């Protein structure tokens, strides 16, 4: 009896074309899995399904427009993943009134406009744990009301057009494990002091986010970090050796700054990716070369007219010279996508140059 269907699972079947209007007849449907196909066109026929709890539409080509009517009738949503679907429009404010919502992934679309600050201030989404809006065209400042989402474990607002200063209210999200804010147009400022209180962080990316001054010593207190990206900023002075306390670190990205002095950090035995090129570091990397590193890029090539290299490295996987501006031109963003099949947990970082995973023992592989 089709109208009584509660689960419709059509994931990864190579299906294409538009969704049939008759989909709206499945009035008892609770779980809808249409992800990883080539569907296109409108999703209007889903809007009348009031009992939906889990909706996975990601990785399709719908090219529809989202507004305040989108999913307005789906009051029971727990998971909504509509990432990488070519959606335009804006982030519907009413989604922040869904009391059962734990996952909201709208990343990799063409969303514009500002975040719904008032809806977030009055939020009833007190169970929201995963919010990903990366790789859109969202503008304006990040609203202070972001601090109302107290249950967040993952917040990814990277690769948008956000501007202004980072609100200190983000620092109130003390249960965050993953914080990605890079590749935006924030006001130039040092690494924010409020990050110091976010001791549950395992991943922090502030790539290309207008950071200046020095890397703070207190970053070494965030000892659960496995991923730290401060690349493509205007950070100066030396690398604080307190970062050596981050013994769980697997990915450290510091390239594209104005850092000087020696590298050190030989304590970081779990590092699999280390990018320190396009800086002014000197000396050698002997302490680091005592470990096997999958991706290690530094300024260890001979520059034109120079007798010595800038940094002696015997184990680097790529050596760059100052005048070679395209030496390391890969994005090195890591992947932002946590998969619903794995409970929205991070399984690996997928760089252009390969995969690094916290679930692989590289010493015995």
Protein backbone atom coordinates (compact mmCIF):
# COMPACT_ATOMS: atom_id res chain seq x y z
CA UNK A 1 0.00 0.00 0.00
CA UNK A 2 2.10 2.92 -1.29
CA UNK A 3 0.42 5.72 0.70
CA UNK A 4 1.46 3.91 3.91
CA UNK A 5 5.15 3.73 3.02
CA UNK A 6 7.26 5.07 5.87
CA UNK A 7 10.71 4.60 4.30
CA UNK A 8 11.76 5.24 0.69
CA UNK A 9 15.41 4.47 0.00
CA UNK A 10 16.80 5.11 -3.50
CA UNK A 11 20.36 6.17 -2.68
CA UNK A 12 23.26 5.65 -5.09
CA UNK A 13 21.22 4.09 -7.91
CA UNK A 14 22.28 6.33 -10.79
CA UNK A 15 18.74 7.64 -11.15
CA UNK A 16 18.04 10.86 -13.06
CA UNK A 17 15.26 13.13 -14.23
CA UNK A 18 12.68 15.02 -12.16
CA UNK A 19 10.87 13.76 -9.09
CA UNK A 20 7.32 12.54 -9.84
CA UNK A 21 4.43 14.65 -8.47
CA UNK A 22 2.94 11.43 -7.08
CA UNK A 23 5.66 11.46 -4.41
CA UNK A 24 3.35 13.81 -2.52
CA UNK A 25 0.91 10.92 -2.08
CA UNK A 26 3.26 9.17 0.35
CA UNK A 27 1.63 10.96 3.26
CA UNK A 28 3.00 8.58 5.93
CA UNK A 29 6.60 8.84 4.74
CA UNK A 30 9.11 9.41 7.53
CA UNK A 31 12.48 8.66 5.91
CA UNK A 32 13.42 9.76 2.40
CA UNK A 33 16.77 8.73 0.90
CA UNK A 34 17.34 10.11 -2.62
CA UNK A 35 21.01 11.05 -2.21
CA UNK A 36 23.82 10.45 -4.68
CA UNK A 37 21.80 10.34 -7.88
CA UNK A 38 21.28 12.84 -10.74
CA UNK A 39 17.81 14.12 -9.97
CA UNK A 40 16.98 17.63 -11.14
CA UNK A 41 14.19 20.19 -11.09
CA UNK A 42 11.72 21.02 -8.32
CA UNK A 43 11.28 19.44 -4.90
CA UNK A 44 7.80 20.94 -4.41
CA UNK A 45 6.20 17.51 -4.14
CA UNK A 46 8.15 16.86 -0.94
CA UNK A 47 6.87 19.98 0.80
CA UNK A 48 3.50 18.47 1.73
CA UNK A 49 5.00 15.44 3.52
CA UNK A 50 4.38 16.44 7.12
CA UNK A 51 5.72 13.32 8.85
CA UNK A 52 9.26 13.41 7.48
CA UNK A 53 11.99 12.94 10.07
CA UNK A 54 15.01 12.20 7.87
CA UNK A 55 15.55 13.75 4.44
CA UNK A 56 18.71 13.03 2.46
CA UNK A 57 18.77 14.74 -0.93
CA UNK A 58 22.49 15.47 -1.13
CA UNK A 59 24.57 15.13 -4.27
CA UNK A 60 21.88 15.78 -6.88
CA UNK A 61 21.22 18.58 -9.38
CA UNK A 62 17.85 19.96 -8.27
CA UNK A 63 18.68 23.60 -9.04
CA UNK A 64 15.56 24.68 -7.12
CA UNK A 65 15.20 27.82 -4.98
CA UNK A 66 14.87 27.71 -1.19
CA UNK A 67 12.83 30.27 0.73
CA UNK A 68 10.73 30.50 3.89
CA UNK A 69 8.20 28.02 2.50
CA UNK A 70 10.80 25.28 2.01
CA UNK A 71 10.20 22.36 4.41
CA UNK A 72 7.83 24.61 6.39
CA UNK A 73 5.39 21.73 6.85
CA UNK A 74 8.03 19.27 8.06
CA UNK A 75 7.88 20.02 11.77
CA UNK A 76 9.37 16.68 12.83
CA UNK A 77 12.66 16.82 10.95
CA UNK A 78 15.64 15.32 12.75
CA UNK A 79 18.11 15.16 9.83
CA UNK A 80 17.97 17.44 6.79
CA UNK A 81 20.86 17.01 4.35
CA UNK A 82 20.39 18.96 1.11
CA UNK A 83 24.07 19.58 0.42
CA UNK A 84 25.53 19.76 -3.09
CA UNK A 85 22.17 20.05 -4.85
CA UNK A 86 22.63 23.37 -6.76
CA UNK A 87 19.99 25.03 -4.58
CA UNK A 88 19.69 28.80 -4.77
CA UNK A 89 17.78 31.18 -2.51
CA UNK A 90 18.51 31.71 1.17
CA UNK A 91 18.61 29.85 4.48
CA UNK A 92 15.00 29.47 5.72
CA UNK A 93 14.72 30.96 9.19
CA UNK A 94 11.98 28.58 10.31
CA UNK A 95 14.43 25.67 10.26
CA UNK A 96 15.82 27.07 13.52
CA UNK A 97 12.42 26.53 15.13
CA UNK A 98 12.49 22.75 14.67
CA UNK A 99 12.80 21.34 18.16
CA UNK A 100 13.95 17.87 17.06
CA UNK A 101 16.44 18.92 14.38
CA UNK A 102 19.95 17.61 15.08
CA UNK A 103 21.55 17.78 11.60
CA UNK A 104 21.25 20.65 9.09
CA UNK A 105 23.58 20.39 6.10
CA UNK A 106 23.01 22.95 3.33
CA UNK A 107 26.61 23.14 2.16
CA UNK A 108 27.90 23.22 -1.43
CA UNK A 109 24.96 25.14 -2.89
CA UNK A 110 24.37 28.66 -4.23
CA UNK A 111 22.65 30.15 -1.20
CA UNK A 112 22.82 33.93 -0.83
CA UNK A 113 21.66 36.65 1.55
CA UNK A 114 22.30 36.86 5.28
CA UNK A 115 21.76 34.30 8.00
CA UNK A 116 18.35 34.70 9.71
CA UNK A 117 19.61 36.44 12.86
CA UNK A 118 16.21 36.94 14.49
CA UNK A 119 15.15 33.33 13.95
CA UNK A 120 18.44 32.16 15.40
CA UNK A 121 18.00 34.48 18.41
CA UNK A 122 14.59 32.96 19.11
CA UNK A 123 15.71 29.47 18.18
CA UNK A 124 13.92 26.41 19.44
CA UNK A 125 16.44 24.11 17.72
CA UNK A 126 18.02 23.30 21.05
CA UNK A 127 19.09 19.85 19.83
CA UNK A 128 20.95 21.03 16.72
CA UNK A 129 24.39 19.41 16.77
CA UNK A 130 25.60 19.65 13.17
CA UNK A 131 25.30 22.88 11.14
CA UNK A 132 27.15 23.05 7.83
CA UNK A 133 26.69 25.94 5.40
CA UNK A 134 30.12 25.93 3.78
CA UNK A 135 30.71 26.75 0.12
CA UNK A 136 27.79 29.09 -0.52
CA UNK A 137 27.56 32.84 -1.10
CA UNK A 138 26.12 33.88 2.25
CA UNK A 139 26.93 37.50 3.13
CA UNK A 140 26.89 39.92 6.05
CA UNK A 141 28.28 39.37 9.53
CA UNK A 142 27.82 36.11 11.40
CA UNK A 143 24.97 37.01 13.79
CA UNK A 144 25.66 37.11 17.51
CA UNK A 145 22.67 34.81 17.93
CA UNK A 146 24.84 31.94 16.64
CA UNK A 147 25.73 31.56 20.33
CA UNK A 148 22.17 30.41 21.05
CA UNK A 149 22.83 27.06 19.37
CA UNK A 150 24.33 25.60 22.53
CA UNK A 151 24.19 21.93 21.47
CA UNK A 152 26.37 22.37 18.39
CA UNK A 153 29.23 19.89 17.96
CA UNK A 154 30.08 20.89 14.36
CA UNK A 155 29.89 24.42 12.90
CA UNK A 156 31.15 24.95 9.35
CA UNK A 157 30.60 28.41 7.84
CA UNK A 158 33.73 28.40 5.67
CA UNK A 159 34.00 29.47 2.03
CA UNK A 160 31.27 32.10 2.01
CA UNK A 161 31.22 35.91 1.84
CA UNK A 162 30.83 36.62 5.56
CA UNK A 163 32.29 39.97 6.64
CA UNK A 164 32.85 42.02 9.79
CA UNK A 165 34.31 40.69 13.01
CA UNK A 166 33.85 37.19 14.36
CA UNK A 167 31.27 37.37 17.17
CA UNK A 168 32.59 36.42 20.59
CA UNK A 169 29.38 34.43 21.07
CA UNK A 170 30.92 31.61 19.02
CA UNK A 171 33.17 31.10 22.04
CA UNK A 172 30.09 30.22 24.09
CA UNK A 173 29.69 27.04 22.04
CA UNK A 174 32.02 25.20 24.38
CA UNK A 175 30.92 21.73 23.25
CA UNK A 176 32.08 22.28 19.67
CA UNK A 177 34.37 19.60 18.27
CA UNK A 178 34.72 21.00 14.75
CA UNK A 179 34.91 24.72 13.89
CA UNK A 180 35.57 25.77 10.29
CA UNK A 181 35.37 29.53 9.59
CA UNK A 182 38.03 30.03 6.90
CA UNK A 183 37.86 31.56 3.44
CA UNK A 184 35.64 34.50 4.36
CA UNK A 185 36.09 38.29 4.41
CA UNK A 186 36.40 38.95 8.12
CA UNK A 187 37.93 42.08 9.64
CA UNK A 188 41.69 41.75 10.12
CA UNK A 189 42.45 40.69 13.70
CA UNK A 190 44.61 38.30 15.76
CA UNK A 191 43.52 34.75 16.59
CA UNK A 192 40.54 35.37 18.88
CA UNK A 193 41.12 34.85 22.59
CA UNK A 194 37.69 33.25 23.08
CA UNK A 195 38.86 30.17 21.18
CA UNK A 196 40.98 29.36 24.22
CA UNK A 197 37.89 28.20 26.15
CA UNK A 198 36.84 25.75 23.41
CA UNK A 199 38.75 22.85 24.89
CA UNK A 200 36.64 20.16 23.18
CA UNK A 201 37.84 21.17 19.71
CA UNK A 202 39.32 18.40 17.58
CA UNK A 203 39.39 20.40 14.33
CA UNK A 204 39.96 24.13 13.86
CA UNK A 205 40.24 25.84 10.49
CA UNK A 206 40.81 29.60 10.21
CA UNK A 207 42.41 29.44 6.77
CA UNK A 208 42.42 32.76 4.89
CA UNK A 209 40.40 34.58 7.52
CA UNK A 210 42.44 37.81 7.83
CA UNK A 211 44.46 36.75 10.88
CA UNK A 212 47.42 38.93 11.86
CA UNK A 213 50.00 39.27 14.64
CA UNK A 214 51.37 36.05 16.16
CA UNK A 215 50.20 32.49 16.78
CA UNK A 216 49.19 32.52 20.48
CA UNK A 217 51.01 30.26 22.91
CA UNK A 218 47.67 29.15 24.40
CA UNK A 219 46.76 27.20 21.25
CA UNK A 220 48.95 24.49 22.77
CA UNK A 221 46.29 24.07 25.47
CA UNK A 222 43.75 22.66 22.98
CA UNK A 223 45.25 19.21 23.32
CA UNK A 224 42.42 17.31 21.58
CA UNK A 225 43.16 18.95 18.23
CA UNK A 226 43.82 16.55 15.36
CA UNK A 227 43.50 19.20 12.61
CA UNK A 228 44.73 22.82 12.76
CA UNK A 229 44.70 25.12 9.73
CA UNK A 230 45.95 28.70 10.06
CA UNK A 231 47.22 28.92 6.48
CA UNK A 232 46.98 31.87 4.08
CA UNK A 233 46.91 34.62 6.69
CA UNK A 234 49.35 37.32 7.83
CA UNK A 235 50.73 35.66 10.94
CA UNK A 236 54.25 36.73 11.95
CA UNK A 237 57.07 35.89 14.34
CA UNK A 238 57.99 32.34 15.38
CA UNK A 239 55.95 29.15 15.67
CA UNK A 240 55.23 28.73 19.40
CA UNK A 241 56.76 25.51 20.64
CA UNK A 242 53.69 25.05 22.85
CA UNK A 243 52.11 23.55 19.72
CA UNK A 244 54.28 20.55 20.53
CA UNK A 245 51.72 19.76 23.24
CA UNK A 246 49.19 18.92 20.53
CA UNK A 247 50.31 15.31 20.40
CA UNK A 248 47.10 14.11 18.68
CA UNK A 249 47.66 16.46 15.74
CA UNK A 250 47.59 14.77 12.32
CA UNK A 251 47.25 17.83 10.08
CA UNK A 252 49.06 21.15 10.63
CA UNK A 253 48.72 23.83 7.95
CA UNK A 254 50.68 27.06 8.44
CA UNK A 255 51.72 27.90 4.89
CA UNK A 256 51.20 31.31 3.30
CA UNK A 257 52.10 33.43 6.33
CA UNK A 258 55.19 35.42 7.41
CA UNK A 259 56.47 33.07 10.09
CA UNK A 260 60.20 33.01 10.86
CA UNK A 261 62.64 31.17 13.09
CA UNK A 262 63.00 27.42 13.36
CA UNK A 263 60.31 24.77 13.06
CA UNK A 264 60.97 22.46 16.00
CA UNK A 265 57.81 20.53 17.02
CA UNK A 266 59.50 17.13 16.91
CA UNK A 267 57.02 15.90 19.53
CA UNK A 268 54.24 15.73 16.93
CA UNK A 269 54.72 12.06 16.12
CA UNK A 270 51.23 11.57 14.60
CA UNK A 271 51.54 14.28 11.94
CA UNK A 272 50.64 13.08 8.45
CA UNK A 273 50.30 16.48 6.75
CA UNK A 274 52.57 19.45 7.48
CA UNK A 275 52.55 22.54 5.26
CA UNK A 276 54.98 25.34 6.18
CA UNK A 277 55.92 26.68 2.73
CA UNK A 278 55.65 30.34 1.74
CA UNK A 279 57.04 31.55 5.07
CA UNK A 280 60.49 32.73 6.24
CA UNK A 281 61.45 29.74 8.36
CA UNK A 282 65.13 28.82 8.65
CA UNK A 283 67.32 26.08 10.09
CA UNK A 284 66.44 22.43 9.53
CA UNK A 285 63.61 19.97 9.98
CA UNK A 286 65.65 17.16 11.50
CA UNK A 287 63.36 16.76 14.53
CA UNK A 288 60.34 16.42 12.27
CA UNK A 289 62.10 14.12 9.82
CA UNK A 290 62.49 11.55 12.58
CA UNK A 291 58.88 10.64 11.74
CA UNK A 292 57.25 9.50 8.51
CA UNK A 293 55.03 12.26 7.11
CA UNK A 294 52.78 11.62 4.11
CA UNK A 295 52.60 15.27 2.95
CA UNK A 296 55.42 17.62 4.00
CA UNK A 297 55.90 20.84 2.03
CA UNK A 298 58.46 23.51 2.93
CA UNK A 299 60.71 26.21 1.42
CA UNK A 300 63.59 23.82 0.93
CA UNK A 301 64.38 24.41 -2.78
CA UNK A 302 67.24 26.61 -3.96
CA UNK A 303 66.10 30.11 -4.83
CA UNK A 304 67.65 31.84 -7.83
CA UNK A 305 71.01 33.32 -6.89
CA UNK A 306 71.00 31.84 -3.39
CA UNK A 307 73.85 29.64 -2.20
CA UNK A 308 71.92 27.93 0.59
CA UNK A 309 68.33 26.80 0.83
CA UNK A 310 66.01 28.69 3.17
CA UNK A 311 65.17 25.57 5.16
CA UNK A 312 67.08 22.30 5.14
CA UNK A 313 64.69 19.38 4.82
CA UNK A 314 65.74 15.81 4.09
CA UNK A 315 62.24 14.29 4.19
CA UNK A 316 59.99 16.84 2.51
CA UNK A 317 57.65 15.49 -0.15
CA UNK A 318 57.78 18.83 -2.01
CA UNK A 319 60.38 21.59 -1.82
CA UNK A 320 59.40 25.10 -2.89
CA UNK A 321 61.38 28.26 -3.64
CA UNK A 322 60.17 31.77 -2.92
CA UNK A 323 59.98 32.82 -6.55
CA UNK A 324 57.89 29.78 -7.52
CA UNK A 325 54.41 31.04 -6.63
CA UNK A 326 52.69 27.98 -8.04
CA UNK A 327 54.85 25.36 -6.31
CA UNK A 328 52.16 24.39 -3.81
CA UNK A 329 48.99 25.63 -5.48
CA UNK A 330 46.67 22.86 -4.27
CA UNK A 331 43.82 24.09 -2.08
CA UNK A 332 44.59 21.81 0.90
CA UNK A 333 41.17 22.49 2.34
CA UNK A 334 40.60 19.00 3.62
CA UNK A 335 37.11 17.67 3.14
CA UNK A 336 34.25 19.27 5.00
CA UNK A 337 31.83 16.45 4.40
CA UNK A 338 30.86 14.26 7.28
CA UNK A 339 28.72 11.40 6.03
CA UNK A 340 25.29 10.55 7.39
CA UNK A 341 26.10 6.87 6.82
CA UNK A 342 28.65 7.25 9.63
CA UNK A 343 26.50 9.32 11.95
CA UNK A 344 27.98 12.58 10.64
CA UNK A 345 31.36 11.71 12.08
CA UNK A 346 34.59 12.54 10.30
CA UNK A 347 36.08 9.51 8.60
CA UNK A 348 38.94 11.19 6.72
CA UNK A 349 40.30 14.45 5.32
CA UNK A 350 40.28 14.29 1.55
CA UNK A 351 42.96 16.59 0.13
CA UNK A 352 43.68 17.06 -3.55
CA UNK A 353 46.91 15.16 -2.93
CA UNK A 354 45.34 12.23 -1.08
CA UNK A 355 43.49 11.07 2.00
CA UNK A 356 44.51 11.37 5.64
CA UNK A 357 42.35 9.49 8.14
CA UNK A 358 42.33 9.39 11.95
CA UNK A 359 41.22 5.77 11.62
CA UNK A 360 44.39 4.59 9.86
CA UNK A 361 47.46 3.58 11.81
CA UNK A 362 50.11 4.97 9.49
CA UNK A 363 52.94 3.50 11.56
CA UNK A 364 51.72 -0.03 10.76
CA UNK A 365 50.17 0.46 7.30
